[in-house]
């Protein structure tokens, strides 16, 4: 079927060229990837500090949005590149104490250098 990449992917209706979206479930407590484990790899850099590398890099840096499933946790998405990003998790009580967490990520990127 045209526009579908891989067995579980569907085309995204968009005016932008070659949009690709990933959904990643990061379990920082284990640490491991659930959903999306075939699309990215995870490195645990220490408490609340994870590096995510996309198996197939985008042509330009994607948009990465995350939310924590762990109570009282703040997450920060940092160092976003076409090849990956860092996910940093902190205790909400002070915003600076690193904390392991479960995180859902939605990544939207493009396999085209132009935006339209």
N, C-alpha and C. Protein backbone atom coordinates (compact mmCIF):
# COMPACT_ATOMS: atom_id res chain seq x y z
N UNK A 1 0.85 -1.18 0.00
CA UNK A 1 0.00 0.00 0.00
C UNK A 1 0.89 1.24 0.00
N UNK A 2 0.74 2.16 -0.93
CA UNK A 2 1.59 3.34 -1.02
C UNK A 2 1.52 4.19 0.24
N UNK A 3 2.67 4.73 0.64
CA UNK A 3 2.71 5.64 1.78
C UNK A 3 2.83 4.95 3.12
N UNK A 4 2.80 3.63 3.17
CA UNK A 4 2.92 2.91 4.44
C UNK A 4 4.30 2.30 4.52
N UNK A 5 4.97 2.55 5.63
CA UNK A 5 6.30 2.00 5.87
C UNK A 5 6.21 1.04 7.03
N UNK A 6 6.52 -0.21 6.82
CA UNK A 6 6.47 -1.19 7.90
C UNK A 6 5.06 -1.73 8.10
N UNK A 7 4.95 -2.84 8.82
CA UNK A 7 3.66 -3.51 8.96
C UNK A 7 2.64 -2.78 9.82
N UNK A 8 3.07 -1.97 10.80
CA UNK A 8 2.12 -1.35 11.72
C UNK A 8 2.03 0.15 11.54
N UNK A 9 2.53 0.68 10.45
CA UNK A 9 2.53 2.13 10.24
C UNK A 9 1.45 2.53 9.27
N UNK A 10 0.89 3.70 9.50
CA UNK A 10 -0.14 4.25 8.63
C UNK A 10 0.32 5.61 8.14
N UNK A 11 -0.09 6.01 6.95
CA UNK A 11 0.30 7.34 6.47
C UNK A 11 -0.36 8.42 7.31
N UNK A 12 0.33 9.54 7.46
CA UNK A 12 -0.20 10.67 8.20
C UNK A 12 -0.66 11.70 7.19
N UNK A 13 -1.91 12.11 7.27
CA UNK A 13 -2.42 13.14 6.38
C UNK A 13 -1.81 14.49 6.76
N UNK A 14 -0.97 15.03 5.92
CA UNK A 14 -0.28 16.27 6.22
C UNK A 14 0.09 16.97 4.92
N UNK A 15 0.13 18.29 4.98
CA UNK A 15 0.59 19.06 3.83
C UNK A 15 2.11 19.04 3.74
N UNK A 16 2.77 18.58 4.78
CA UNK A 16 4.23 18.52 4.77
C UNK A 16 4.68 17.22 4.13
N UNK A 17 5.82 17.26 3.48
CA UNK A 17 6.34 16.09 2.78
C UNK A 17 6.92 15.06 3.74
N UNK A 18 6.62 13.80 3.49
CA UNK A 18 7.24 12.65 4.13
C UNK A 18 7.30 12.74 5.65
N UNK A 19 6.15 12.95 6.27
CA UNK A 19 6.03 12.98 7.72
C UNK A 19 6.13 11.57 8.28
N UNK A 20 6.88 11.42 9.39
CA UNK A 20 6.98 10.11 10.05
C UNK A 20 6.83 10.32 11.55
N UNK A 21 6.00 9.49 12.18
CA UNK A 21 5.72 9.64 13.60
C UNK A 21 6.04 8.35 14.34
N UNK A 22 6.67 8.51 15.51
CA UNK A 22 6.97 7.38 16.38
C UNK A 22 6.30 7.59 17.74
N UNK A 23 5.89 6.50 18.35
CA UNK A 23 5.35 6.53 19.71
C UNK A 23 6.25 5.62 20.53
N UNK A 24 6.81 6.18 21.58
CA UNK A 24 7.78 5.45 22.39
C UNK A 24 7.30 5.41 23.84
N UNK A 25 7.29 4.22 24.44
CA UNK A 25 7.05 4.07 25.88
C UNK A 25 8.38 3.74 26.53
N UNK A 26 8.88 4.67 27.32
CA UNK A 26 10.17 4.51 27.99
C UNK A 26 9.92 4.16 29.44
N UNK A 27 10.36 3.01 29.86
CA UNK A 27 10.26 2.61 31.26
C UNK A 27 11.63 2.84 31.89
N UNK A 28 11.80 3.99 32.52
CA UNK A 28 13.08 4.34 33.12
C UNK A 28 13.37 3.61 34.40
N UNK A 29 12.39 2.95 34.95
CA UNK A 29 12.59 2.21 36.19
C UNK A 29 13.31 0.89 35.89
N UNK A 30 13.00 0.26 34.74
CA UNK A 30 13.60 -1.03 34.38
C UNK A 30 15.06 -0.93 33.95
N UNK A 31 15.61 -0.11 33.16
CA UNK A 31 15.10 0.70 32.06
C UNK A 31 14.96 -0.11 30.78
N UNK A 32 13.92 0.19 30.03
CA UNK A 32 13.65 -0.52 28.78
C UNK A 32 12.64 0.27 27.96
N UNK A 33 12.55 -0.08 26.69
CA UNK A 33 11.52 0.49 25.82
C UNK A 33 10.42 -0.54 25.64
N UNK A 34 9.18 -0.12 25.73
CA UNK A 34 8.04 -0.98 25.43
C UNK A 34 7.65 -0.71 23.99
N UNK A 35 6.51 -0.03 23.81
CA UNK A 35 6.09 0.40 22.48
C UNK A 35 7.20 1.23 21.85
N UNK A 36 7.52 0.94 20.62
CA UNK A 36 8.57 1.68 19.92
C UNK A 36 9.95 1.07 20.03
N UNK A 37 10.05 -0.09 20.67
CA UNK A 37 11.37 -0.71 20.85
C UNK A 37 12.00 -1.15 19.54
N UNK A 38 11.20 -1.27 18.48
CA UNK A 38 11.75 -1.63 17.17
C UNK A 38 12.13 -0.38 16.37
N UNK A 39 11.84 0.81 16.92
CA UNK A 39 12.11 2.06 16.22
C UNK A 39 13.25 2.87 16.83
N UNK A 40 13.69 2.49 18.04
CA UNK A 40 14.71 3.28 18.73
C UNK A 40 15.45 2.40 19.72
N UNK A 41 16.59 2.90 20.20
CA UNK A 41 17.32 2.21 21.26
C UNK A 41 17.54 3.18 22.41
N UNK A 42 17.71 2.63 23.60
CA UNK A 42 17.77 3.42 24.83
C UNK A 42 19.09 3.16 25.55
N UNK A 43 19.68 4.24 26.07
CA UNK A 43 20.85 4.13 26.95
C UNK A 43 20.48 4.81 28.26
N UNK A 44 20.70 4.11 29.37
CA UNK A 44 20.46 4.66 30.70
C UNK A 44 21.76 5.32 31.16
N UNK A 45 21.79 6.65 31.23
CA UNK A 45 22.99 7.39 31.61
C UNK A 45 23.10 7.62 33.11
N UNK A 46 22.14 7.15 33.88
CA UNK A 46 22.11 7.39 35.32
C UNK A 46 20.68 7.66 35.73
N UNK A 47 20.46 7.96 36.98
CA UNK A 47 19.11 8.19 37.50
C UNK A 47 18.44 9.32 36.73
N UNK A 48 17.30 9.02 36.11
CA UNK A 48 16.50 10.02 35.41
C UNK A 48 17.13 10.62 34.16
N UNK A 49 18.14 9.98 33.61
CA UNK A 49 18.85 10.52 32.44
C UNK A 49 18.96 9.42 31.39
N UNK A 50 18.28 9.63 30.26
CA UNK A 50 18.22 8.60 29.21
C UNK A 50 18.55 9.22 27.86
N UNK A 51 19.25 8.46 27.03
CA UNK A 51 19.51 8.87 25.65
C UNK A 51 18.74 7.93 24.74
N UNK A 52 17.99 8.52 23.82
CA UNK A 52 17.19 7.76 22.87
C UNK A 52 17.78 7.99 21.49
N UNK A 53 18.07 6.90 20.77
CA UNK A 53 18.60 6.99 19.41
C UNK A 53 17.60 6.34 18.47
N UNK A 54 17.20 7.09 17.44
CA UNK A 54 16.25 6.56 16.47
C UNK A 54 16.97 5.58 15.57
N UNK A 55 16.35 4.42 15.31
CA UNK A 55 16.96 3.43 14.41
C UNK A 55 17.14 3.98 13.01
N UNK A 56 16.20 4.81 12.58
CA UNK A 56 16.29 5.48 11.28
C UNK A 56 16.25 6.98 11.53
N UNK A 57 17.37 7.65 11.34
CA UNK A 57 17.44 9.09 11.60
C UNK A 57 16.53 9.85 10.63
N UNK A 58 16.01 10.97 11.08
CA UNK A 58 15.24 11.88 10.23
C UNK A 58 16.23 12.73 9.44
N UNK A 59 15.74 13.48 8.46
CA UNK A 59 16.61 14.38 7.71
C UNK A 59 16.85 15.68 8.45
N UNK A 60 15.96 16.02 9.39
CA UNK A 60 16.15 17.19 10.24
C UNK A 60 15.55 16.88 11.60
N UNK A 61 15.87 17.68 12.59
CA UNK A 61 15.43 17.41 13.97
C UNK A 61 13.90 17.35 14.06
N UNK A 62 13.36 16.31 14.71
CA UNK A 62 11.91 16.18 14.86
C UNK A 62 11.38 16.98 16.04
N UNK A 63 10.08 17.01 16.17
CA UNK A 63 9.42 17.54 17.35
C UNK A 63 9.22 16.37 18.31
N UNK A 64 9.57 16.56 19.57
CA UNK A 64 9.43 15.49 20.56
C UNK A 64 8.62 16.03 21.73
N UNK A 65 7.51 15.35 22.03
CA UNK A 65 6.65 15.74 23.14
C UNK A 65 6.56 14.54 24.08
N UNK A 66 6.70 14.80 25.37
CA UNK A 66 6.65 13.70 26.32
C UNK A 66 5.77 14.01 27.51
N UNK A 67 5.30 12.96 28.15
CA UNK A 67 4.55 13.10 29.40
C UNK A 67 4.93 11.94 30.31
N UNK A 68 4.96 12.22 31.58
CA UNK A 68 5.36 11.21 32.56
C UNK A 68 4.15 10.46 33.09
N UNK A 69 4.30 9.16 33.25
CA UNK A 69 3.27 8.34 33.89
C UNK A 69 3.57 8.16 35.37
N UNK A 70 4.74 8.66 35.80
CA UNK A 70 5.15 8.56 37.20
C UNK A 70 4.71 9.83 37.92
N UNK A 71 4.02 9.66 39.04
CA UNK A 71 3.51 10.81 39.79
C UNK A 71 4.64 11.73 40.23
N UNK A 72 4.32 13.00 40.30
CA UNK A 72 5.25 14.03 40.81
C UNK A 72 6.59 14.03 40.08
N UNK A 73 6.52 13.96 38.76
CA UNK A 73 7.73 13.94 37.95
C UNK A 73 7.65 15.00 36.85
N UNK A 74 8.74 15.71 36.68
CA UNK A 74 8.88 16.67 35.59
C UNK A 74 9.83 16.05 34.57
N UNK A 75 9.49 16.13 33.29
CA UNK A 75 10.42 15.63 32.28
C UNK A 75 10.87 16.77 31.38
N UNK A 76 12.09 16.63 30.89
CA UNK A 76 12.66 17.59 29.96
C UNK A 76 13.22 16.82 28.78
N UNK A 77 12.86 17.24 27.58
CA UNK A 77 13.42 16.66 26.36
C UNK A 77 14.54 17.61 25.94
N UNK A 78 15.76 17.08 25.80
CA UNK A 78 16.92 17.93 25.53
C UNK A 78 17.75 17.38 24.37
N UNK A 79 18.58 18.22 23.83
CA UNK A 79 19.55 17.82 22.80
C UNK A 79 18.91 17.06 21.64
N UNK A 80 17.82 17.61 21.11
CA UNK A 80 17.11 16.95 20.02
C UNK A 80 17.88 17.13 18.72
N UNK A 81 18.19 16.01 18.08
CA UNK A 81 18.85 16.02 16.77
C UNK A 81 18.06 15.09 15.85
N UNK A 82 18.46 15.04 14.59
CA UNK A 82 17.81 14.14 13.64
C UNK A 82 18.00 12.67 14.03
N UNK A 83 19.01 12.38 14.83
CA UNK A 83 19.34 11.00 15.19
C UNK A 83 18.80 10.56 16.55
N UNK A 84 18.38 11.51 17.40
CA UNK A 84 17.91 11.12 18.72
C UNK A 84 17.73 12.29 19.66
N UNK A 85 17.55 12.00 20.95
CA UNK A 85 17.37 13.05 21.96
C UNK A 85 17.67 12.48 23.34
N UNK A 86 17.74 13.38 24.31
CA UNK A 86 17.91 13.00 25.70
C UNK A 86 16.62 13.28 26.45
N UNK A 87 16.27 12.40 27.38
CA UNK A 87 15.10 12.56 28.22
C UNK A 87 15.61 12.66 29.66
N UNK A 88 15.28 13.77 30.31
CA UNK A 88 15.71 14.00 31.69
C UNK A 88 14.48 14.07 32.58
N UNK A 89 14.52 13.37 33.72
CA UNK A 89 13.38 13.32 34.64
C UNK A 89 13.80 13.82 36.01
N UNK A 90 12.94 14.65 36.61
CA UNK A 90 13.24 15.26 37.91
C UNK A 90 12.04 15.15 38.84
N UNK A 91 12.31 15.15 40.15
CA UNK A 91 11.25 15.17 41.15
C UNK A 91 10.55 16.53 41.09
N UNK A 92 9.23 16.52 41.06
CA UNK A 92 8.46 17.76 40.97
C UNK A 92 8.59 18.61 42.23
N UNK A 93 8.95 18.00 43.34
CA UNK A 93 9.03 18.74 44.61
C UNK A 93 10.06 19.86 44.56
N UNK A 94 11.18 19.64 43.85
CA UNK A 94 12.19 20.70 43.76
C UNK A 94 12.63 20.99 42.33
N UNK A 95 12.29 20.10 41.39
CA UNK A 95 12.61 20.32 39.98
C UNK A 95 14.05 20.09 39.60
N UNK A 96 14.88 19.64 40.55
CA UNK A 96 16.30 19.42 40.24
C UNK A 96 16.82 18.03 40.62
N UNK A 97 16.12 17.34 41.49
CA UNK A 97 16.56 16.01 41.92
C UNK A 97 16.21 14.99 40.84
N UNK A 98 17.23 14.32 40.26
CA UNK A 98 16.94 13.31 39.22
C UNK A 98 16.07 12.18 39.78
N UNK A 99 15.20 11.65 38.94
CA UNK A 99 14.27 10.60 39.36
C UNK A 99 13.94 9.72 38.16
N UNK A 100 13.99 8.40 38.34
CA UNK A 100 13.58 7.48 37.29
C UNK A 100 12.07 7.58 37.10
N UNK A 101 11.62 7.40 35.86
CA UNK A 101 10.19 7.55 35.58
C UNK A 101 9.79 6.75 34.36
N UNK A 102 8.50 6.55 34.23
CA UNK A 102 7.92 5.99 33.02
C UNK A 102 7.41 7.15 32.18
N UNK A 103 7.80 7.17 30.89
CA UNK A 103 7.51 8.31 30.03
C UNK A 103 6.93 7.84 28.71
N UNK A 104 5.92 8.55 28.23
CA UNK A 104 5.39 8.36 26.87
C UNK A 104 5.92 9.49 26.00
N UNK A 105 6.41 9.14 24.81
CA UNK A 105 6.94 10.14 23.88
C UNK A 105 6.21 10.04 22.56
N UNK A 106 5.91 11.18 21.98
CA UNK A 106 5.37 11.25 20.63
C UNK A 106 6.37 12.07 19.82
N UNK A 107 6.90 11.45 18.77
CA UNK A 107 7.95 12.06 17.96
C UNK A 107 7.42 12.22 16.54
N UNK A 108 7.43 13.45 16.05
CA UNK A 108 7.00 13.72 14.69
C UNK A 108 8.16 14.35 13.96
N UNK A 109 8.58 13.70 12.89
CA UNK A 109 9.71 14.20 12.11
C UNK A 109 9.44 14.08 10.63
N UNK A 110 10.44 14.47 9.85
CA UNK A 110 10.27 14.51 8.41
C UNK A 110 11.45 13.87 7.71
N UNK A 111 11.15 13.13 6.67
CA UNK A 111 12.17 12.53 5.82
C UNK A 111 12.31 13.36 4.55
N UNK A 112 12.20 14.66 4.73
CA UNK A 112 12.32 15.63 3.64
C UNK A 112 13.01 16.86 4.21
N UNK A 113 13.90 17.47 3.43
CA UNK A 113 14.60 18.64 3.92
C UNK A 113 13.75 19.90 3.87
N UNK A 114 12.75 19.94 2.99
CA UNK A 114 11.90 21.12 2.93
C UNK A 114 10.69 20.93 3.83
N UNK A 115 10.08 22.03 4.25
CA UNK A 115 8.97 21.96 5.19
C UNK A 115 7.62 21.83 4.52
N UNK A 116 7.53 22.11 3.24
CA UNK A 116 6.25 22.01 2.54
C UNK A 116 6.42 21.22 1.27
